[in-house]
Protein backbone atom coordinates (compact mmCIF):
# COMPACT_ATOMS: atom_id res chain seq x y z
CA MET A 1 -0.20 -0.15 -0.18
CA ALA A 2 1.14 3.24 -0.80
CA LEU A 3 2.33 5.91 2.14
CA GLU A 4 -0.48 8.66 2.36
CA PRO A 5 -0.55 11.88 4.07
CA GLU A 6 -2.56 10.50 7.10
CA ASP A 7 0.21 8.09 8.34
CA THR A 8 2.82 11.07 8.46
CA TYR A 9 0.32 12.89 10.40
CA ARG A 10 -0.04 9.69 12.52
CA LEU A 11 3.56 9.48 12.77
CA ASN A 12 3.90 13.25 13.26
CA VAL A 13 1.65 13.94 16.47
CA TRP A 14 3.20 10.82 17.93
CA SER A 15 6.63 11.61 17.52
CA PHE A 16 7.96 8.54 15.66
CA LEU A 17 9.55 10.88 12.72
CA THR A 18 11.54 12.46 15.13
CA ASP A 19 12.53 9.20 16.69
CA PHE A 20 13.66 8.14 12.70
CA GLN A 21 15.86 11.53 12.53
CA LYS A 22 17.49 10.27 15.76
CA LEU A 23 18.28 6.35 14.40
CA LYS A 24 17.52 6.70 10.80
CA THR A 25 20.57 4.78 9.82
CA LYS A 26 19.59 1.53 12.08
CA PHE A 27 16.16 2.05 10.46
CA ILE A 28 17.35 1.78 7.29
CA GLU A 29 19.34 -1.02 8.07
CA LEU A 30 16.00 -2.91 9.50
CA ALA A 31 14.40 -1.62 6.04
CA ARG A 32 17.39 -3.19 4.17
CA ILE A 33 17.14 -6.98 5.74
CA ALA A 34 13.57 -7.58 4.89
CA TYR A 35 14.09 -5.43 1.53
CA HIS A 36 16.54 -8.55 0.75
CA ALA A 37 14.35 -10.93 2.65
CA THR A 38 11.86 -10.22 0.33
CA LYS A 39 14.28 -9.91 -2.34
CA ASP A 40 15.26 -13.82 -1.68
CA LEU A 41 11.60 -15.52 -1.25
CA ASN A 42 10.51 -13.67 -5.21
CA GLY A 43 13.65 -14.16 -6.29
CA ARG A 44 13.41 -10.05 -8.11
CA ASN A 45 14.14 -7.34 -6.04
CA PRO A 46 11.15 -6.30 -4.64
CA SER A 47 9.09 -2.87 -4.26
CA ALA A 48 8.66 -0.65 -0.97
CA ASP A 49 5.11 -2.11 -1.32
CA GLU A 50 5.45 -5.72 -1.16
CA CYS A 51 8.20 -5.18 1.72
CA GLU A 52 5.54 -3.42 3.59
CA LYS A 53 4.49 -5.97 5.86
CA LEU A 54 8.06 -7.50 6.70
CA PHE A 55 9.79 -4.69 6.99
CA SER A 56 6.71 -4.07 9.88
CA GLY A 57 6.76 -7.13 12.09
CA ILE A 58 10.92 -6.54 12.11
CA LEU A 59 10.22 -3.32 13.71
CA LEU A 60 8.02 -5.12 16.83
CA LYS A 61 10.76 -7.46 17.21
CA SER A 62 13.70 -4.91 17.26
CA GLU A 63 14.43 -3.85 20.78
CA ILE A 64 14.96 -0.08 18.62
CA PHE A 65 11.27 0.11 17.61
CA ARG A 66 10.40 -1.49 21.24
CA GLY A 67 11.62 0.59 23.04
CA ILE A 68 10.20 4.38 21.25
CA LEU A 69 6.45 2.45 21.76
CA ASN A 70 7.50 1.76 26.01
CA ARG A 71 8.09 5.22 25.38
CA LYS A 72 4.76 6.08 24.55
CA TYR A 73 3.43 6.04 27.81
CA LEU A 74 -0.67 7.38 26.34
CA LEU A 75 -0.82 4.23 22.83
CA LEU A 76 -1.88 1.34 23.94
CA PRO A 77 -0.13 -1.86 22.70
CA ASP A 78 -3.51 -2.63 20.41
CA PHE A 79 -2.43 0.35 18.17
CA TYR A 80 1.21 -0.88 18.03
CA GLN A 81 0.71 -2.65 14.72
CA SER A 82 -1.07 0.15 12.92
CA TYR A 83 2.23 2.00 13.77
CA ALA A 84 4.94 -0.10 12.71
CA LEU A 85 3.05 -0.97 9.09
CA ALA A 86 2.59 2.98 9.34
CA PHE A 87 6.45 3.69 10.36
CA ALA A 88 7.16 0.97 7.05
CA ARG A 89 5.50 2.13 4.91
CA TYR A 90 7.75 6.16 5.59
CA VAL A 91 10.40 4.07 5.46
CA LEU A 92 10.02 2.27 2.86
CA HIS A 93 8.46 5.80 0.90
CA ASN A 94 11.14 8.27 1.39
CA HIS A 95 13.95 6.91 1.57
CA TRP A 96 13.91 3.57 -0.85
CA PRO A 97 17.45 4.23 -3.21
CA GLU A 98 18.67 4.19 0.10
CA VAL A 99 17.10 1.23 1.26
CA SER A 100 17.36 -1.23 -2.65
CA LEU A 101 21.01 -0.69 -2.26
């Protein structure tokens, strides 16, 4: 799914975009893992859309993203998956040249 303005808005409201800027290199590395795993599974270069689900799963298991979620005290755990997917879309669609190296 393409990045939508509401994804960026929601991420900005909860300061995820500020968190991304602070840890950009690490998040790009995680996105590359999703890219290469998807490439291996498909046998071809994937699109950003094809990497979204895997990358959001990687985010939810990663210490750095879990730490960010834990610092957002008022964000209910029920919304973690939704924010991970929005974050994955944001990173993949805005930094695709860096991810798809």
